[in-house]
């Protein structure tokens, strides 16, 4: 085999992340996992061909160049940002299925549910006031958790909450079933789930249909003193409506990890509402090593002409 023929077989991997501090770790892992590939960091002006693009929040210039790409990998579970760009329609877009994020998100949501169910916020206030007042234990059998979205992340959250014997129900856009979870779908199903959920957990993909899904009209369908947890995207909730319903007493509070604007501006009223717990988009962080292992397996499968999981249906938005 000639030297030029050998070079033709080398996979060309183009990498970019909007977080420059992550570049060194990503590149080291990719080059270690794909030792026979040419892995390069995209720089402005780089319009050279590549076989695969591995990206997170890439600039339009990177995706619009004619590179003869076989596939684009989005380095995260959420694809709402990349779908806003003018992607070549004939190139598959593949997301990270999990990247070790599901267990992190299950931990976060379980903490939020237990914190509210066991009334730790009230005990914390009593401690500050030096009050020793045991509170009645809530009836878990009547304390239902409603999960919006039942993909990889939502399913793992459901499993974690079932471990603590919470009644779990879930809503999806189209019919879906998983063991021991009551499921609903469609507009009528959303109303049923909300009307019978003491805690609602949002882990939906962000699409045109799910944007603003939790607004005054839908949040008012929750029983009085219900609790809201959002680990998906800030745009799923109309923040002013949520805040108004908390202040009116209809909702007990919320635990929010995502917001319309991030970082949340210092002057935002959510900072000053004690019944809202704010975290800085940390409910689940991509674990680079696991993501690279997954990408490596998928590239090998694609090179063999096989189908892979995580192919984004652009018309559906996920």
Protein backbone atom coordinates (compact mmCIF):
# COMPACT_ATOMS: atom_id res chain seq x y z
CA UNK A 1 0.00 0.00 0.00
CA UNK A 2 1.36 3.42 -0.90
CA UNK A 3 1.88 6.21 1.60
CA UNK A 4 -0.77 8.36 -0.13
CA UNK A 5 -3.34 5.54 0.10
CA UNK A 6 -2.62 5.16 3.81
CA UNK A 7 -3.20 8.86 4.36
CA UNK A 8 -6.55 8.69 2.60
CA UNK A 9 -7.81 6.22 5.19
CA UNK A 10 -7.01 8.40 8.20
CA UNK A 11 -10.19 9.75 9.78
CA UNK A 12 -10.29 13.52 10.06
CA UNK A 13 -11.97 14.68 13.27
CA UNK A 14 -12.84 18.35 13.69
CA UNK A 15 -13.46 19.46 17.29
CA UNK A 16 -14.91 22.65 18.74
CA UNK A 17 -16.41 23.69 22.07
CA UNK A 18 -17.60 27.13 23.08
CA UNK A 19 -15.80 26.54 26.40
CA UNK A 20 -12.09 27.10 25.62
CA UNK A 21 -11.06 25.85 29.07
CA UNK A 22 -12.34 22.39 28.09
CA UNK A 23 -10.31 22.11 24.88
CA UNK A 24 -7.18 20.52 26.32
CA UNK A 25 -9.06 17.74 28.14
CA UNK A 26 -11.35 16.97 25.19
CA UNK A 27 -8.45 16.86 22.73
CA UNK A 28 -6.31 14.64 24.95
CA UNK A 29 -9.17 12.15 25.40
CA UNK A 30 -10.07 12.17 21.72
CA UNK A 31 -6.49 11.67 20.56
CA UNK A 32 -6.00 8.87 23.09
CA UNK A 33 -9.24 7.14 22.13
CA UNK A 34 -8.76 7.67 18.38
CA UNK A 35 -4.96 7.29 18.02
CA UNK A 36 -5.11 6.66 14.28
CA UNK A 37 -7.26 9.71 13.54
CA UNK A 38 -6.26 13.26 12.75
CA UNK A 39 -7.98 15.24 15.51
CA UNK A 40 -7.81 19.01 15.15
CA UNK A 41 -9.25 21.99 16.98
CA UNK A 42 -11.27 24.24 14.71
CA UNK A 43 -9.90 27.76 14.34
CA UNK A 44 -11.48 30.69 12.45
CA UNK A 45 -10.69 30.33 8.77
CA UNK A 46 -10.44 26.52 8.88
CA UNK A 47 -12.54 25.36 5.93
CA UNK A 48 -10.63 22.13 5.31
CA UNK A 49 -12.44 18.80 4.83
CA UNK A 50 -13.29 16.57 7.78
CA UNK A 51 -15.07 13.26 8.23
CA UNK A 52 -16.72 14.04 11.56
CA UNK A 53 -17.37 17.27 13.44
CA UNK A 54 -17.60 17.04 17.25
CA UNK A 55 -19.05 20.33 18.47
CA UNK A 56 -20.71 22.23 21.27
CA UNK A 57 -22.31 25.59 20.42
CA UNK A 58 -20.23 25.98 17.25
CA UNK A 59 -20.06 29.18 15.19
CA UNK A 60 -22.01 29.17 11.91
CA UNK A 61 -18.76 29.34 9.93
CA UNK A 62 -17.72 25.89 11.14
CA UNK A 63 -20.90 24.13 10.00
CA UNK A 64 -21.49 25.96 6.74
CA UNK A 65 -18.14 25.17 5.13
CA UNK A 66 -18.28 22.38 2.49
CA UNK A 67 -16.32 19.71 4.40
CA UNK A 68 -17.89 16.46 3.10
CA UNK A 69 -18.84 15.53 6.66
CA UNK A 70 -20.23 12.06 7.35
CA UNK A 71 -21.89 13.17 10.61
CA UNK A 72 -22.00 15.93 13.20
CA UNK A 73 -21.82 14.96 16.88
CA UNK A 74 -23.37 17.38 19.36
CA UNK A 75 -21.36 17.16 22.60
CA UNK A 76 -24.37 17.14 24.89
CA UNK A 77 -27.91 15.82 25.21
CA UNK A 78 -29.65 19.11 24.34
CA UNK A 79 -29.69 20.00 20.64
CA UNK A 80 -31.94 23.08 20.70
CA UNK A 81 -29.01 25.47 20.23
CA UNK A 82 -27.42 23.70 17.27
CA UNK A 83 -30.77 23.24 15.54
CA UNK A 84 -31.10 27.02 15.33
CA UNK A 85 -28.25 27.00 12.85
CA UNK A 86 -28.48 26.32 9.11
CA UNK A 87 -27.23 22.73 9.20
CA UNK A 88 -26.69 20.81 5.97
CA UNK A 89 -29.83 18.69 5.65
CA UNK A 90 -28.01 15.63 4.32
CA UNK A 91 -25.58 15.24 7.22
CA UNK A 92 -26.73 13.17 10.23
CA UNK A 93 -26.78 15.01 13.56
CA UNK A 94 -26.05 12.73 16.52
CA UNK A 95 -26.40 13.63 20.19
CA UNK A 96 -24.76 12.19 23.28
CA UNK A 97 -27.27 9.69 24.69
CA UNK A 98 -26.24 10.12 28.29
CA UNK A 99 -22.58 10.95 28.85
CA UNK A 100 -23.05 9.95 32.53
CA UNK A 101 -25.53 12.81 32.90
CA UNK A 102 -28.61 10.73 33.75
CA UNK A 103 -27.37 9.61 37.17
CA UNK A 104 -26.35 13.18 38.05
CA UNK A 105 -29.75 14.50 37.08
CA UNK A 106 -31.46 11.73 39.04
CA UNK A 107 -29.42 12.73 42.11
CA UNK A 108 -30.37 16.39 41.70
CA UNK A 109 -34.09 15.74 41.26
CA UNK A 110 -34.20 13.19 44.07
CA UNK A 111 -32.62 15.74 46.39
CA UNK A 112 -35.18 18.35 45.35
CA UNK A 113 -38.13 15.99 45.84
CA UNK A 114 -36.91 14.74 49.23
CA UNK A 115 -36.09 18.26 50.40
CA UNK A 116 -39.67 19.36 49.69
CA UNK A 117 -41.37 16.12 50.79
CA UNK A 118 -39.56 16.01 54.13
CA UNK A 119 -40.11 19.77 54.63
CA UNK A 120 -36.43 20.53 55.20
CA UNK A 121 -36.95 24.14 54.14
CA UNK A 122 -39.35 24.61 57.07
CA UNK A 123 -36.99 22.86 59.48
CA UNK A 124 -34.16 25.13 58.30
CA UNK A 125 -36.25 28.20 59.05
CA UNK A 126 -37.20 26.78 62.46
CA UNK A 127 -33.53 26.25 63.22
CA UNK A 128 -32.75 29.87 62.36
CA UNK A 129 -35.59 30.91 64.69
CA UNK A 130 -34.46 28.43 67.38
CA UNK A 131 -37.78 26.61 67.26
CA UNK A 132 -38.10 22.87 67.98
CA UNK A 133 -41.36 21.85 66.29
CA UNK A 134 -41.72 18.36 64.75
CA UNK A 135 -43.97 18.44 61.69
CA UNK A 136 -46.45 15.73 60.66
CA UNK A 137 -45.08 13.25 58.13
CA UNK A 138 -46.72 13.48 54.73
CA UNK A 139 -48.50 10.46 53.23
CA UNK A 140 -46.14 9.26 50.51
CA UNK A 141 -48.83 7.15 48.86
CA UNK A 142 -50.71 10.37 48.08
CA UNK A 143 -47.62 12.36 47.11
CA UNK A 144 -47.28 11.98 43.34
CA UNK A 145 -44.35 13.02 41.20
CA UNK A 146 -45.11 14.09 37.63
CA UNK A 147 -42.21 13.94 35.16
CA UNK A 148 -42.43 15.84 31.88
CA UNK A 149 -40.32 13.91 29.38
CA UNK A 150 -39.43 10.24 29.47
CA UNK A 151 -36.24 9.92 27.46
CA UNK A 152 -32.92 8.68 28.84
CA UNK A 153 -32.84 11.38 31.52
CA UNK A 154 -36.52 11.26 32.50
CA UNK A 155 -36.52 7.48 32.69
CA UNK A 156 -33.50 7.49 35.02
CA UNK A 157 -35.15 10.09 37.24
CA UNK A 158 -38.29 7.96 37.44
CA UNK A 159 -36.24 4.92 38.46
CA UNK A 160 -34.46 6.87 41.20
CA UNK A 161 -37.72 8.15 42.68
CA UNK A 162 -39.30 4.69 42.54
CA UNK A 163 -36.47 3.48 44.78
CA UNK A 164 -37.93 5.72 47.50
CA UNK A 165 -41.42 4.37 46.73
CA UNK A 166 -42.87 7.61 45.39
CA UNK A 167 -45.82 7.19 43.02
CA UNK A 168 -44.36 8.30 39.68
CA UNK A 169 -46.24 9.38 36.58
CA UNK A 170 -44.95 10.91 33.37
CA UNK A 171 -46.09 12.86 30.33
CA UNK A 172 -44.74 12.62 26.81
CA UNK A 173 -45.83 14.18 23.53
CA UNK A 174 -46.67 10.78 22.05
CA UNK A 175 -47.68 7.55 23.80
CA UNK A 176 -44.89 5.77 25.66
CA UNK A 177 -44.79 3.08 28.32
CA UNK A 178 -42.22 2.08 30.95
CA UNK A 179 -42.70 -0.36 33.85
CA UNK A 180 -44.45 0.88 37.01
CA UNK A 181 -44.91 4.44 35.72
CA UNK A 182 -48.35 5.80 34.89
CA UNK A 183 -47.98 7.59 31.55
CA UNK A 184 -49.97 10.29 29.79
CA UNK A 185 -49.59 11.96 26.42
CA UNK A 186 -51.11 14.78 24.40
CA UNK A 187 -52.82 17.93 25.64
CA UNK A 188 -55.50 16.06 27.61
CA UNK A 189 -52.85 13.87 29.21
CA UNK A 190 -50.85 16.91 30.34
CA UNK A 191 -53.90 18.29 32.15
CA UNK A 192 -54.45 14.95 33.88
CA UNK A 193 -50.85 14.68 35.03
CA UNK A 194 -50.65 18.25 36.32
CA UNK A 195 -53.93 18.01 38.20
CA UNK A 196 -52.62 15.00 40.13
CA UNK A 197 -48.95 15.90 40.79
CA UNK A 198 -47.56 17.30 44.02
CA UNK A 199 -44.19 17.84 42.33
CA UNK A 200 -43.69 18.41 38.61
CA UNK A 201 -40.23 17.78 37.14
CA UNK A 202 -39.41 19.19 33.70
CA UNK A 203 -36.81 17.30 31.67
CA UNK A 204 -38.27 17.82 28.21
CA UNK A 205 -36.31 18.64 25.07
CA UNK A 206 -36.82 22.25 24.05
CA UNK A 207 -38.91 22.43 20.87
CA UNK A 208 -41.48 24.81 19.45
CA UNK A 209 -44.19 22.70 21.10
CA UNK A 210 -42.56 22.58 24.55
CA UNK A 211 -41.36 26.19 24.79
CA UNK A 212 -43.34 27.87 27.59
CA UNK A 213 -45.15 24.63 28.42
CA UNK A 214 -45.21 25.64 32.11
CA UNK A 215 -47.08 28.94 32.14
CA UNK A 216 -49.80 30.47 34.28
CA UNK A 217 -52.51 28.35 32.66
CA UNK A 218 -50.72 25.02 33.09
CA UNK A 219 -49.13 25.79 36.47
CA UNK A 220 -52.52 26.72 37.88
CA UNK A 221 -53.66 23.17 37.08
CA UNK A 222 -51.28 21.84 39.73
CA UNK A 223 -52.83 21.20 43.16
CA UNK A 224 -52.34 24.00 45.72
CA UNK A 225 -48.90 24.05 47.37
CA UNK A 226 -47.25 21.96 44.66
CA UNK A 227 -43.55 22.23 43.84
CA UNK A 228 -41.74 22.72 40.51
CA UNK A 229 -38.30 21.39 39.52
CA UNK A 230 -36.75 22.37 36.17
CA UNK A 231 -33.60 20.65 34.90
CA UNK A 232 -34.29 21.02 31.18
CA UNK A 233 -34.20 24.53 29.67
CA UNK A 234 -35.19 27.87 31.12
CA UNK A 235 -37.53 28.55 28.19
CA UNK A 236 -39.83 25.71 29.28
CA UNK A 237 -41.13 27.95 32.09
CA UNK A 238 -42.60 31.43 31.89
CA UNK A 239 -40.59 32.71 34.85
CA UNK A 240 -42.88 35.65 35.66
CA UNK A 241 -45.90 33.32 35.82
CA UNK A 242 -44.05 30.90 38.10
CA UNK A 243 -42.95 33.68 40.43
CA UNK A 244 -46.45 35.17 40.59
CA UNK A 245 -47.99 31.81 41.54
CA UNK A 246 -45.37 31.24 44.24
CA UNK A 247 -46.00 34.68 45.72
CA UNK A 248 -49.76 34.14 45.60
CA UNK A 249 -49.35 30.92 47.60
CA UNK A 250 -50.68 28.60 44.90
CA UNK A 251 -47.25 27.04 44.49
CA UNK A 252 -45.06 26.12 47.45
CA UNK A 253 -41.83 26.91 45.63
CA UNK A 254 -39.43 25.76 42.96
CA UNK A 255 -35.94 24.38 42.41
CA UNK A 256 -34.49 25.81 39.19
CA UNK A 257 -31.24 24.87 37.49
CA UNK A 258 -31.89 26.55 34.13
CA UNK A 259 -33.03 30.03 33.12
CA UNK A 260 -33.93 32.14 30.10
CA UNK A 261 -30.74 34.12 30.59
CA UNK A 262 -27.62 32.52 32.02
CA UNK A 263 -25.97 33.55 34.24
CA UNK A 264 -29.14 34.79 35.91
CA UNK A 265 -28.79 38.61 36.16
CA UNK A 266 -28.15 39.90 39.71
CA UNK A 267 -31.24 42.09 39.58
CA UNK A 268 -33.59 39.23 38.65
CA UNK A 269 -36.47 38.86 41.17
CA UNK A 270 -35.99 35.10 41.39
CA UNK A 271 -32.84 35.73 43.47
CA UNK A 272 -34.95 37.45 46.11
CA UNK A 273 -37.68 34.82 46.46
CA UNK A 274 -36.73 32.57 49.42
CA UNK A 275 -39.03 29.77 48.21
CA UNK A 276 -37.00 29.40 45.01
CA UNK A 277 -33.75 27.40 45.10
CA UNK A 278 -31.34 28.47 42.36
CA UNK A 279 -28.40 26.45 41.05
CA UNK A 280 -26.07 27.51 38.18
CA UNK A 281 -26.94 24.90 35.51
CA UNK A 282 -25.14 22.09 37.33
CA UNK A 283 -27.83 19.39 37.59
CA UNK A 284 -25.90 17.31 35.05
CA UNK A 285 -22.53 18.02 33.49
CA UNK A 286 -21.13 16.12 30.54
CA UNK A 287 -18.47 13.64 31.65
CA UNK A 288 -15.88 13.98 28.92
CA UNK A 289 -14.36 10.50 29.21
CA UNK A 290 -17.72 8.73 28.94
CA UNK A 291 -18.77 10.96 26.04
CA UNK A 292 -15.57 10.21 24.15
CA UNK A 293 -16.02 6.45 24.70
CA UNK A 294 -19.54 6.75 23.29
CA UNK A 295 -18.42 8.85 20.31
CA UNK A 296 -15.60 6.44 19.53
CA UNK A 297 -18.01 3.49 19.47
CA UNK A 298 -20.45 5.36 17.26
CA UNK A 299 -17.81 6.47 14.77
CA UNK A 300 -16.61 2.85 14.49
CA UNK A 301 -20.20 1.72 13.88
CA UNK A 302 -20.78 4.41 11.26
CA UNK A 303 -17.57 3.42 9.48
CA UNK A 304 -18.95 -0.14 9.31
CA UNK A 305 -22.16 1.17 7.80
CA UNK A 306 -24.24 0.46 10.92
CA UNK A 307 -26.98 2.55 12.50
CA UNK A 308 -26.29 4.31 15.80
CA UNK A 309 -28.42 5.55 18.68
CA UNK A 310 -28.90 9.25 19.28
CA UNK A 311 -29.75 10.28 15.71
CA UNK A 312 -31.64 13.57 15.95
CA UNK A 313 -34.98 13.86 14.18
CA UNK A 314 -34.76 17.49 13.19
CA UNK A 315 -38.47 17.85 12.46
CA UNK A 316 -39.21 16.88 16.08
CA UNK A 317 -36.39 18.90 17.57
CA UNK A 318 -34.65 16.02 19.39
